[in-house]
Amino acid sequence: CTIFFLAIILLGCQSNDKTSQDSPESESWENRFFVLDMTNGDTGLK
């Protein structure tokens, strides 16, 4: 989670810091909440 760490916590982000693309377990991607503010200057295409 690289985006607004504090804001995500306040909004109930349930993701773990480490859920890599080589972790296929489905539960790691279920209800993985996110906030992407693409206009804040810190959040981009990646």
All heavy atoms as atom14 arrays in JSON, in Angstrom:
{
  "sequence": "CTIFFLAIILLGCQSNDKTSQDSPESESWENRFFVLDMTNGDTGLK",
  "atom14_mask": [
    [1, 1, 1, 1, 1, 1, 0, 0, 0, 0, 0, 0, 0, 0],
    [1, 1, 1, 1, 1, 1, 1, 0, 0, 0, 0, 0, 0, 0],
    [1, 1, 1, 1, 1, 1, 1, 1, 0, 0, 0, 0, 0, 0],
    [1, 1, 1, 1, 1, 1, 1, 1, 1, 1, 1, 0, 0, 0],
    [1, 1, 1, 1, 1, 1, 1, 1, 1, 1, 1, 0, 0, 0],
    [1, 1, 1, 1, 1, 1, 1, 1, 0, 0, 0, 0, 0, 0],
    [1, 1, 1, 1, 1, 0, 0, 0, 0, 0, 0, 0, 0, 0],
    [1, 1, 1, 1, 1, 1, 1, 1, 0, 0, 0, 0, 0, 0],
    [1, 1, 1, 1, 1, 1, 1, 1, 0, 0, 0, 0, 0, 0],
    [1, 1, 1, 1, 1, 1, 1, 1, 0, 0, 0, 0, 0, 0],
    [1, 1, 1, 1, 1, 1, 1, 1, 0, 0, 0, 0, 0, 0],
    [1, 1, 1, 1, 0, 0, 0, 0, 0, 0, 0, 0, 0, 0],
    [1, 1, 1, 1, 1, 1, 0, 0, 0, 0, 0, 0, 0, 0],
    [1, 1, 1, 1, 1, 1, 1, 1, 1, 0, 0, 0, 0, 0],
    [1, 1, 1, 1, 1, 1, 0, 0, 0, 0, 0, 0, 0, 0],
    [1, 1, 1, 1, 1, 1, 1, 1, 0, 0, 0, 0, 0, 0],
    [1, 1, 1, 1, 1, 1, 1, 1, 0, 0, 0, 0, 0, 0],
    [1, 1, 1, 1, 1, 1, 1, 1, 1, 0, 0, 0, 0, 0],
    [1, 1, 1, 1, 1, 1, 1, 0, 0, 0, 0, 0, 0, 0],
    [1, 1, 1, 1, 1, 1, 0, 0, 0, 0, 0, 0, 0, 0],
    [1, 1, 1, 1, 1, 1, 1, 1, 1, 0, 0, 0, 0, 0],
    [1, 1, 1, 1, 1, 1, 1, 1, 0, 0, 0, 0, 0, 0],
    [1, 1, 1, 1, 1, 1, 0, 0, 0, 0, 0, 0, 0, 0],
    [1, 1, 1, 1, 1, 1, 1, 0, 0, 0, 0, 0, 0, 0],
    [1, 1, 1, 1, 1, 1, 1, 1, 1, 0, 0, 0, 0, 0],
    [1, 1, 1, 1, 1, 1, 0, 0, 0, 0, 0, 0, 0, 0],
    [1, 1, 1, 1, 1, 1, 1, 1, 1, 0, 0, 0, 0, 0],
    [1, 1, 1, 1, 1, 1, 0, 0, 0, 0, 0, 0, 0, 0],
    [1, 1, 1, 1, 1, 1, 1, 1, 1, 1, 1, 1, 1, 1],
    [1, 1, 1, 1, 1, 1, 1, 1, 1, 0, 0, 0, 0, 0],
    [1, 1, 1, 1, 1, 1, 1, 1, 0, 0, 0, 0, 0, 0],
    [1, 1, 1, 1, 1, 1, 1, 1, 1, 1, 1, 0, 0, 0],
    [1, 1, 1, 1, 1, 1, 1, 1, 1, 1, 1, 0, 0, 0],
    [1, 1, 1, 1, 1, 1, 1, 1, 1, 1, 1, 0, 0, 0],
    [1, 1, 1, 1, 1, 1, 1, 0, 0, 0, 0, 0, 0, 0],
    [1, 1, 1, 1, 1, 1, 1, 1, 0, 0, 0, 0, 0, 0],
    [1, 1, 1, 1, 1, 1, 1, 1, 0, 0, 0, 0, 0, 0],
    [1, 1, 1, 1, 1, 1, 1, 1, 0, 0, 0, 0, 0, 0],
    [1, 1, 1, 1, 1, 1, 1, 0, 0, 0, 0, 0, 0, 0],
    [1, 1, 1, 1, 1, 1, 1, 1, 0, 0, 0, 0, 0, 0],
    [1, 1, 1, 1, 0, 0, 0, 0, 0, 0, 0, 0, 0, 0],
    [1, 1, 1, 1, 1, 1, 1, 1, 0, 0, 0, 0, 0, 0],
    [1, 1, 1, 1, 1, 1, 1, 0, 0, 0, 0, 0, 0, 0],
    [1, 1, 1, 1, 0, 0, 0, 0, 0, 0, 0, 0, 0, 0],
    [1, 1, 1, 1, 1, 1, 1, 1, 0, 0, 0, 0, 0, 0],
    [1, 1, 1, 1, 1, 1, 1, 1, 1, 0, 0, 0, 0, 0]
  ],
  "atom14_positions": [
    [[0.87, -1.18, 0.0], [0.0, 0.0, 0.0], [0.9, 1.22, 0.0], [1.49, 1.56, 1.02], [-0.9, 0.01, 1.23], [-2.24, -1.16, 1.18], [0.0, 0.0, 0.0], [0.0, 0.0, 0.0], [0.0, 0.0, 0.0], [0.0, 0.0, 0.0], [0.0, 0.0, 0.0], [0.0, 0.0, 0.0], [0.0, 0.0, 0.0], [0.0, 0.0, 0.0]],
    [[0.98, 1.91, -1.13], [1.88, 3.06, -1.25], [1.14, 4.38, -1.23], [1.73, 5.42, -1.42], [2.67, 2.95, -2.56], [1.76, 2.88, -3.65], [3.55, 1.72, -2.56], [0.0, 0.0, 0.0], [0.0, 0.0, 0.0], [0.0, 0.0, 0.0], [0.0, 0.0, 0.0], [0.0, 0.0, 0.0], [0.0, 0.0, 0.0], [0.0, 0.0, 0.0]],
    [[-0.16, 4.32, -1.03], [-0.96, 5.53, -1.2], [-1.61, 5.94, 0.11], [-2.37, 5.18, 0.71], [-2.04, 5.31, -2.27], [-2.8, 4.03, -1.99], [-1.47, 5.22, -3.66], [-4.05, 3.86, -2.77], [0.0, 0.0, 0.0], [0.0, 0.0, 0.0], [0.0, 0.0, 0.0], [0.0, 0.0, 0.0], [0.0, 0.0, 0.0], [0.0, 0.0, 0.0]],
    [[-1.3, 7.11, 0.52], [-1.97, 7.69, 1.67], [-2.15, 6.69, 2.81], [-3.26, 6.33, 3.17], [-3.34, 8.27, 1.28], [-3.23, 9.51, 0.47], [-3.92, 9.62, -0.73], [-2.44, 10.56, 0.87], [-3.81, 10.75, -1.49], [-2.33, 11.69, 0.12], [-3.02, 11.79, -1.05], [0.0, 0.0, 0.0], [0.0, 0.0, 0.0], [0.0, 0.0, 0.0]],
    [[-1.05, 6.25, 3.36], [-1.11, 5.19, 4.36], [-2.05, 5.53, 5.51], [-2.89, 4.72, 5.9], [0.3, 4.92, 4.87], [0.39, 3.81, 5.85], [0.2, 2.5, 5.43], [0.67, 4.04, 7.18], [0.28, 1.46, 6.32], [0.75, 3.0, 8.07], [0.56, 1.7, 7.65], [0.0, 0.0, 0.0], [0.0, 0.0, 0.0], [0.0, 0.0, 0.0]],
    [[-1.94, 6.73, 6.02], [-2.79, 7.12, 7.13], [-4.24, 7.16, 6.71], [-5.13, 6.67, 7.42], [-2.36, 8.47, 7.69], [-3.19, 9.01, 8.88], [-3.14, 8.01, 10.03], [-2.66, 10.36, 9.32], [0.0, 0.0, 0.0], [0.0, 0.0, 0.0], [0.0, 0.0, 0.0], [0.0, 0.0, 0.0], [0.0, 0.0, 0.0], [0.0, 0.0, 0.0]],
    [[-4.5, 7.76, 5.52], [-5.89, 7.86, 5.06], [-6.5, 6.5, 4.84], [-7.66, 6.27, 5.14], [-5.96, 8.67, 3.76], [0.0, 0.0, 0.0], [0.0, 0.0, 0.0], [0.0, 0.0, 0.0], [0.0, 0.0, 0.0], [0.0, 0.0, 0.0], [0.0, 0.0, 0.0], [0.0, 0.0, 0.0], [0.0, 0.0, 0.0], [0.0, 0.0, 0.0]],
    [[-5.71, 5.56, 4.36], [-6.25, 4.22, 4.12], [-6.63, 3.56, 5.43], [-7.65, 2.89, 5.53], [-5.21, 3.37, 3.36], [-5.05, 3.92, 1.95], [-5.62, 1.91, 3.32], [-4.0, 3.19, 1.14], [0.0, 0.0, 0.0], [0.0, 0.0, 0.0], [0.0, 0.0, 0.0], [0.0, 0.0, 0.0], [0.0, 0.0, 0.0], [0.0, 0.0, 0.0]],
    [[-5.8, 3.77, 6.47], [-6.14, 3.2, 7.75], [-7.46, 3.78, 8.26], [-8.35, 3.08, 8.73], [-5.02, 3.45, 8.78], [-3.78, 2.65, 8.4], [-5.48, 3.1, 10.18], [-2.58, 2.9, 9.3], [0.0, 0.0, 0.0], [0.0, 0.0, 0.0], [0.0, 0.0, 0.0], [0.0, 0.0, 0.0], [0.0, 0.0, 0.0], [0.0, 0.0, 0.0]],
    [[-7.6, 5.1, 8.15], [-8.83, 5.75, 8.59], [-10.04, 5.25, 7.84], [-11.14, 5.18, 8.37], [-8.71, 7.26, 8.42], [-7.71, 7.95, 9.36], [-7.56, 9.41, 8.96], [-8.17, 7.84, 10.81], [0.0, 0.0, 0.0], [0.0, 0.0, 0.0], [0.0, 0.0, 0.0], [0.0, 0.0, 0.0], [0.0, 0.0, 0.0], [0.0, 0.0, 0.0]],
    [[-9.85, 4.91, 6.58], [-10.96, 4.47, 5.75], [-11.16, 2.96, 5.8], [-12.01, 2.43, 5.1], [-10.72, 4.89, 4.3], [-10.91, 6.38, 4.05], [-10.33, 6.77, 2.71], [-12.38, 6.75, 4.11], [0.0, 0.0, 0.0], [0.0, 0.0, 0.0], [0.0, 0.0, 0.0], [0.0, 0.0, 0.0], [0.0, 0.0, 0.0], [0.0, 0.0, 0.0]],
    [[-10.38, 2.28, 6.61], [-10.63, 0.87, 6.79], [-9.9, -0.03, 5.83], [-10.38, -1.11, 5.51], [0.0, 0.0, 0.0], [0.0, 0.0, 0.0], [0.0, 0.0, 0.0], [0.0, 0.0, 0.0], [0.0, 0.0, 0.0], [0.0, 0.0, 0.0], [0.0, 0.0, 0.0], [0.0, 0.0, 0.0], [0.0, 0.0, 0.0], [0.0, 0.0, 0.0]],
    [[-8.77, 0.38, 5.34], [-8.01, -0.49, 4.42], [-7.65, -1.78, 5.15], [-7.05, -1.74, 6.21], [-6.75, 0.22, 3.94], [-5.72, -0.81, 2.89], [0.0, 0.0, 0.0], [0.0, 0.0, 0.0], [0.0, 0.0, 0.0], [0.0, 0.0, 0.0], [0.0, 0.0, 0.0], [0.0, 0.0, 0.0], [0.0, 0.0, 0.0], [0.0, 0.0, 0.0]],
    [[-7.99, -2.93, 4.57], [-7.77, -4.21, 5.21], [-6.54, -4.93, 4.67], [-6.27, -6.05, 5.04], [-9.01, -5.1, 4.99], [-10.27, -4.49, 5.57], [-10.18, -4.32, 7.06], [-9.88, -5.26, 7.77], [-10.39, -3.12, 7.55], [0.0, 0.0, 0.0], [0.0, 0.0, 0.0], [0.0, 0.0, 0.0], [0.0, 0.0, 0.0], [0.0, 0.0, 0.0]],
    [[-5.8, -4.3, 3.75], [-4.68, -5.0, 3.13], [-3.5, -5.1, 4.07], [-3.3, -4.27, 4.95], [-4.25, -4.28, 1.85], [-3.82, -2.99, 2.16], [0.0, 0.0, 0.0], [0.0, 0.0, 0.0], [0.0, 0.0, 0.0], [0.0, 0.0, 0.0], [0.0, 0.0, 0.0], [0.0, 0.0, 0.0], [0.0, 0.0, 0.0], [0.0, 0.0, 0.0]],
    [[-2.68, -6.13, 3.88], [-1.42, -6.24, 4.58], [-0.38, -5.45, 3.82], [-0.49, -5.22, 2.63], [-0.99, -7.71, 4.66], [-1.97, -8.53, 5.47], [-2.48, -8.06, 6.47], [-2.24, -9.75, 5.01], [0.0, 0.0, 0.0], [0.0, 0.0, 0.0], [0.0, 0.0, 0.0], [0.0, 0.0, 0.0], [0.0, 0.0, 0.0], [0.0, 0.0, 0.0]],
    [[0.7, -5.07, 4.52], [1.77, -4.38, 3.84], [2.36, -5.24, 2.74], [2.79, -4.76, 1.71], [2.87, -4.01, 4.83], [2.68, -2.6, 5.33], [1.62, -2.0, 5.05], [3.58, -2.1, 6.01], [0.0, 0.0, 0.0], [0.0, 0.0, 0.0], [0.0, 0.0, 0.0], [0.0, 0.0, 0.0], [0.0, 0.0, 0.0], [0.0, 0.0, 0.0]],
    [[2.39, -6.57, 2.96], [3.06, -7.44, 1.99], [2.05, -8.41, 1.38], [1.6, -9.34, 2.03], [4.18, -8.21, 2.67], [5.0, -9.08, 1.68], [6.15, -9.74, 2.4], [6.96, -10.65, 1.5], [7.52, -9.97, 0.35], [0.0, 0.0, 0.0], [0.0, 0.0, 0.0], [0.0, 0.0, 0.0], [0.0, 0.0, 0.0], [0.0, 0.0, 0.0]],
    [[1.64, -8.15, 0.15], [0.85, -9.1, -0.63], [1.43, -9.07, -2.02], [1.07, -8.24, -2.84], [-0.65, -8.7, -0.67], [-1.12, -8.61, 0.66], [-1.44, -9.77, -1.41], [0.0, 0.0, 0.0], [0.0, 0.0, 0.0], [0.0, 0.0, 0.0], [0.0, 0.0, 0.0], [0.0, 0.0, 0.0], [0.0, 0.0, 0.0], [0.0, 0.0, 0.0]],
    [[2.38, -9.9, -2.29], [3.15, -9.8, -3.51], [2.5, -10.53, -4.65], [1.59, -11.33, -4.47], [4.56, -10.36, -3.29], [4.49, -11.74, -3.03], [0.0, 0.0, 0.0], [0.0, 0.0, 0.0], [0.0, 0.0, 0.0], [0.0, 0.0, 0.0], [0.0, 0.0, 0.0], [0.0, 0.0, 0.0], [0.0, 0.0, 0.0], [0.0, 0.0, 0.0]],
    [[2.95, -10.26, -5.87], [2.39, -10.88, -7.04], [2.76, -12.35, -7.13], [2.23, -13.07, -7.96], [2.83, -10.14, -8.3], [2.2, -8.77, -8.38], [2.47, -8.1, -9.7], [3.22, -8.61, -10.52], [1.86, -6.96, -9.92], [0.0, 0.0, 0.0], [0.0, 0.0, 0.0], [0.0, 0.0, 0.0], [0.0, 0.0, 0.0], [0.0, 0.0, 0.0]],
    [[3.66, -12.84, -6.27], [3.93, -14.26, -6.27], [3.22, -14.96, -5.11], [3.57, -16.05, -4.72], [5.44, -14.54, -6.2], [6.11, -13.87, -5.03], [5.4, -13.29, -4.2], [7.36, -13.94, -4.96], [0.0, 0.0, 0.0], [0.0, 0.0, 0.0], [0.0, 0.0, 0.0], [0.0, 0.0, 0.0], [0.0, 0.0, 0.0], [0.0, 0.0, 0.0]],
    [[2.19, -14.3, -4.55], [1.33, -14.91, -3.55], [-0.04, -15.13, -4.16], [-0.85, -14.21, -4.21], [1.2, -14.0, -2.32], [2.43, -13.88, -1.66], [0.0, 0.0, 0.0], [0.0, 0.0, 0.0], [0.0, 0.0, 0.0], [0.0, 0.0, 0.0], [0.0, 0.0, 0.0], [0.0, 0.0, 0.0], [0.0, 0.0, 0.0], [0.0, 0.0, 0.0]],
    [[-0.33, -16.34, -4.63], [-1.56, -16.57, -5.36], [-2.79, -16.75, -4.5], [-3.89, -16.86, -5.03], [-1.25, -17.88, -6.13], [-0.28, -18.6, -5.25], [0.55, -17.51, -4.62], [0.0, 0.0, 0.0], [0.0, 0.0, 0.0], [0.0, 0.0, 0.0], [0.0, 0.0, 0.0], [0.0, 0.0, 0.0], [0.0, 0.0, 0.0], [0.0, 0.0, 0.0]],
    [[-2.66, -16.84, -3.16], [-3.82, -17.12, -2.33], [-4.91, -16.09, -2.56], [-4.71, -14.89, -2.45], [-3.43, -17.13, -0.85], [-2.48, -18.27, -0.45], [-1.03, -17.93, -0.72], [-0.78, -16.82, -1.23], [-0.17, -18.76, -0.43], [0.0, 0.0, 0.0], [0.0, 0.0, 0.0], [0.0, 0.0, 0.0], [0.0, 0.0, 0.0], [0.0, 0.0, 0.0]],
    [[-6.12, -16.59, -2.83], [-7.21, -15.68, -3.19], [-7.58, -14.77, -2.05], [-7.98, -13.62, -2.26], [-8.43, -16.49, -3.64], [-8.89, -17.33, -2.6], [0.0, 0.0, 0.0], [0.0, 0.0, 0.0], [0.0, 0.0, 0.0], [0.0, 0.0, 0.0], [0.0, 0.0, 0.0], [0.0, 0.0, 0.0], [0.0, 0.0, 0.0], [0.0, 0.0, 0.0]],
    [[-7.46, -15.24, -0.79], [-7.89, -14.41, 0.32], [-7.07, -13.13, 0.44], [-7.53, -12.14, 1.0], [-7.83, -15.21, 1.63], [-6.46, -15.72, 2.01], [-6.21, -17.14, 1.52], [-6.9, -17.57, 0.58], [-5.32, -17.8, 2.07], [0.0, 0.0, 0.0], [0.0, 0.0, 0.0], [0.0, 0.0, 0.0], [0.0, 0.0, 0.0], [0.0, 0.0, 0.0]],
    [[-5.85, -13.12, -0.11], [-5.03, -11.92, -0.03], [-5.54, -10.81, -0.94], [-5.13, -9.67, -0.8], [-3.58, -12.25, -0.38], [-3.47, -12.67, -1.72], [0.0, 0.0, 0.0], [0.0, 0.0, 0.0], [0.0, 0.0, 0.0], [0.0, 0.0, 0.0], [0.0, 0.0, 0.0], [0.0, 0.0, 0.0], [0.0, 0.0, 0.0], [0.0, 0.0, 0.0]],
    [[-6.44, -11.14, -1.87], [-6.98, -10.12, -2.77], [-8.48, -9.94, -2.59], [-9.11, -9.2, -3.33], [-6.66, -10.47, -4.23], [-5.23, -10.17, -4.53], [-4.17, -11.02, -4.45], [-4.7, -8.9, -4.9], [-3.01, -10.37, -4.75], [-3.3, -9.06, -5.04], [-5.26, -7.65, -5.13], [-2.46, -8.01, -5.4], [-4.43, -6.61, -5.5], [-3.04, -6.79, -5.62]],
    [[-9.05, -10.59, -1.61], [-10.47, -10.4, -1.34], [-10.65, -9.24, -0.38], [-10.0, -9.15, 0.65], [-11.08, -11.67, -0.74], [-12.58, -11.58, -0.51], [-13.19, -12.9, -0.05], [-12.42, -13.86, 0.16], [-14.4, -12.97, 0.11], [0.0, 0.0, 0.0], [0.0, 0.0, 0.0], [0.0, 0.0, 0.0], [0.0, 0.0, 0.0], [0.0, 0.0, 0.0]],
    [[-11.55, -8.31, -0.75], [-11.83, -7.13, 0.08], [-10.56, -6.38, 0.45], [-10.38, -5.93, 1.58], [-12.59, -7.53, 1.34], [-14.0, -7.99, 1.04], [-14.44, -7.97, -0.11], [-14.71, -8.41, 2.06], [0.0, 0.0, 0.0], [0.0, 0.0, 0.0], [0.0, 0.0, 0.0], [0.0, 0.0, 0.0], [0.0, 0.0, 0.0], [0.0, 0.0, 0.0]],
    [[-9.69, -6.24, -0.52], [-8.45, -5.47, -0.32], [-8.75, -4.01, -0.67], [-8.57, -3.58, -1.79], [-7.34, -6.04, -1.2], [-5.97, -5.41, -1.0], [-4.96, -6.11, -1.9], [-3.7, -5.4, -1.96], [-2.71, -5.52, -1.09], [-2.86, -6.34, -0.06], [-1.59, -4.85, -1.22], [0.0, 0.0, 0.0], [0.0, 0.0, 0.0], [0.0, 0.0, 0.0]],
    [[-9.23, -3.26, 0.31], [-9.73, -1.91, 0.06], [-8.61, -0.95, -0.32], [-7.46, -1.13, 0.08], [-10.5, -1.4, 1.29], [-11.64, -2.3, 1.66], [-11.65, -3.0, 2.86], [-12.71, -2.47, 0.8], [-12.69, -3.84, 3.2], [-13.76, -3.31, 1.13], [-13.76, -3.99, 2.34], [0.0, 0.0, 0.0], [0.0, 0.0, 0.0], [0.0, 0.0, 0.0]],
    [[-8.97, 0.07, -1.1], [-7.95, 0.99, -1.58], [-8.52, 2.38, -1.79], [-9.73, 2.56, -1.98], [-7.32, 0.49, -2.89], [-8.3, 0.26, -4.02], [-8.71, 1.31, -4.84], [-8.82, -1.0, -4.26], [-9.6, 1.1, -5.88], [-9.72, -1.22, -5.29], [-10.11, -0.17, -6.11], [0.0, 0.0, 0.0], [0.0, 0.0, 0.0], [0.0, 0.0, 0.0]],
    [[-7.64, 3.37, -1.77], [-7.95, 4.76, -2.09], [-6.86, 5.24, -3.03], [-5.68, 5.25, -2.66], [-8.0, 5.65, -0.84], [-8.24, 7.11, -1.24], [-9.07, 5.18, 0.13], [0.0, 0.0, 0.0], [0.0, 0.0, 0.0], [0.0, 0.0, 0.0], [0.0, 0.0, 0.0], [0.0, 0.0, 0.0], [0.0, 0.0, 0.0], [0.0, 0.0, 0.0]],
    [[-7.21, 5.64, -4.23], [-6.25, 6.14, -5.21], [-6.65, 7.56, -5.6], [-7.59, 7.77, -6.35], [-6.23, 5.26, -6.46], [-5.7, 3.83, -6.28], [-5.94, 3.02, -7.55], [-4.23, 3.83, -5.91], [0.0, 0.0, 0.0], [0.0, 0.0, 0.0], [0.0, 0.0, 0.0], [0.0, 0.0, 0.0], [0.0, 0.0, 0.0], [0.0, 0.0, 0.0]],
    [[-5.95, 8.53, -5.04], [-6.17, 9.93, -5.39], [-5.12, 10.3, -6.44], [-3.99, 10.64, -6.11], [-6.05, 10.82, -4.16], [-6.47, 12.26, -4.44], [-6.55, 12.63, -5.63], [-6.72, 12.99, -3.47], [0.0, 0.0, 0.0], [0.0, 0.0, 0.0], [0.0, 0.0, 0.0], [0.0, 0.0, 0.0], [0.0, 0.0, 0.0], [0.0, 0.0, 0.0]],
    [[-5.51, 10.23, -7.7], [-4.56, 10.39, -8.79], [-4.13, 11.84, -9.01], [-3.27, 12.12, -9.84], [-5.16, 9.84, -10.1], [-5.67, 8.42, -10.0], [-4.41, 7.22, -9.5], [-3.29, 7.33, -10.89], [0.0, 0.0, 0.0], [0.0, 0.0, 0.0], [0.0, 0.0, 0.0], [0.0, 0.0, 0.0], [0.0, 0.0, 0.0], [0.0, 0.0, 0.0]],
    [[-4.72, 12.78, -8.27], [-4.41, 14.2, -8.47], [-3.54, 14.78, -7.35], [-3.3, 15.98, -7.33], [-5.71, 15.02, -8.57], [-6.42, 14.96, -7.33], [-6.6, 14.49, -9.68], [0.0, 0.0, 0.0], [0.0, 0.0, 0.0], [0.0, 0.0, 0.0], [0.0, 0.0, 0.0], [0.0, 0.0, 0.0], [0.0, 0.0, 0.0], [0.0, 0.0, 0.0]],
    [[-3.1, 13.95, -6.43], [-2.39, 14.5, -5.28], [-0.9, 14.71, -5.51], [-0.19, 15.21, -4.64], [-2.61, 13.61, -4.04], [-1.95, 12.25, -4.17], [-1.23, 11.98, -5.13], [-2.22, 11.37, -3.22], [0.0, 0.0, 0.0], [0.0, 0.0, 0.0], [0.0, 0.0, 0.0], [0.0, 0.0, 0.0], [0.0, 0.0, 0.0], [0.0, 0.0, 0.0]],
    [[-0.4, 14.29, -6.67], [1.01, 14.48, -6.98], [1.89, 13.34, -6.53], [3.05, 13.25, -6.94], [0.0, 0.0, 0.0], [0.0, 0.0, 0.0], [0.0, 0.0, 0.0], [0.0, 0.0, 0.0], [0.0, 0.0, 0.0], [0.0, 0.0, 0.0], [0.0, 0.0, 0.0], [0.0, 0.0, 0.0], [0.0, 0.0, 0.0], [0.0, 0.0, 0.0]],
    [[1.38, 12.46, -5.66], [2.17, 11.34, -5.16], [1.71, 9.99, -5.71], [2.41, 8.99, -5.57], [2.1, 11.28, -3.62], [2.7, 12.5, -2.98], [3.73, 12.98, -3.49], [2.14, 12.98, -1.98], [0.0, 0.0, 0.0], [0.0, 0.0, 0.0], [0.0, 0.0, 0.0], [0.0, 0.0, 0.0], [0.0, 0.0, 0.0], [0.0, 0.0, 0.0]],
    [[0.55, 9.95, -6.31], [-0.04, 8.7, -6.8], [-0.06, 8.72, -8.31], [-0.6, 9.65, -8.92], [-1.48, 8.52, -6.25], [-1.44, 8.63, -4.82], [-2.03, 7.17, -6.64], [0.0, 0.0, 0.0], [0.0, 0.0, 0.0], [0.0, 0.0, 0.0], [0.0, 0.0, 0.0], [0.0, 0.0, 0.0], [0.0, 0.0, 0.0], [0.0, 0.0, 0.0]],
    [[0.51, 7.7, -8.94], [0.61, 7.69, -10.39], [0.21, 6.37, -11.01], [-0.46, 5.53, -10.38], [0.0, 0.0, 0.0], [0.0, 0.0, 0.0], [0.0, 0.0, 0.0], [0.0, 0.0, 0.0], [0.0, 0.0, 0.0], [0.0, 0.0, 0.0], [0.0, 0.0, 0.0], [0.0, 0.0, 0.0], [0.0, 0.0, 0.0], [0.0, 0.0, 0.0]],
    [[0.63, 6.17, -12.24], [0.24, 5.0, -13.01], [0.68, 3.7, -12.33], [-0.05, 2.72, -12.35], [0.81, 5.09, -14.42], [0.51, 3.9, -15.35], [-0.98, 3.65, -15.48], [1.13, 4.15, -16.72], [0.0, 0.0, 0.0], [0.0, 0.0, 0.0], [0.0, 0.0, 0.0], [0.0, 0.0, 0.0], [0.0, 0.0, 0.0], [0.0, 0.0, 0.0]],
    [[1.86, 3.7, -11.72], [2.3, 2.48, -11.06], [1.36, 2.1, -9.92], [1.02, 0.93, -9.74], [3.72, 2.62, -10.53], [4.22, 1.33, -9.88], [5.58, 1.48, -9.24], [6.04, 0.12, -8.68], [5.06, -0.44, -7.72], [0.0, 0.0, 0.0], [0.0, 0.0, 0.0], [0.0, 0.0, 0.0], [0.0, 0.0, 0.0], [0.0, 0.0, 0.0]]
  ]
}
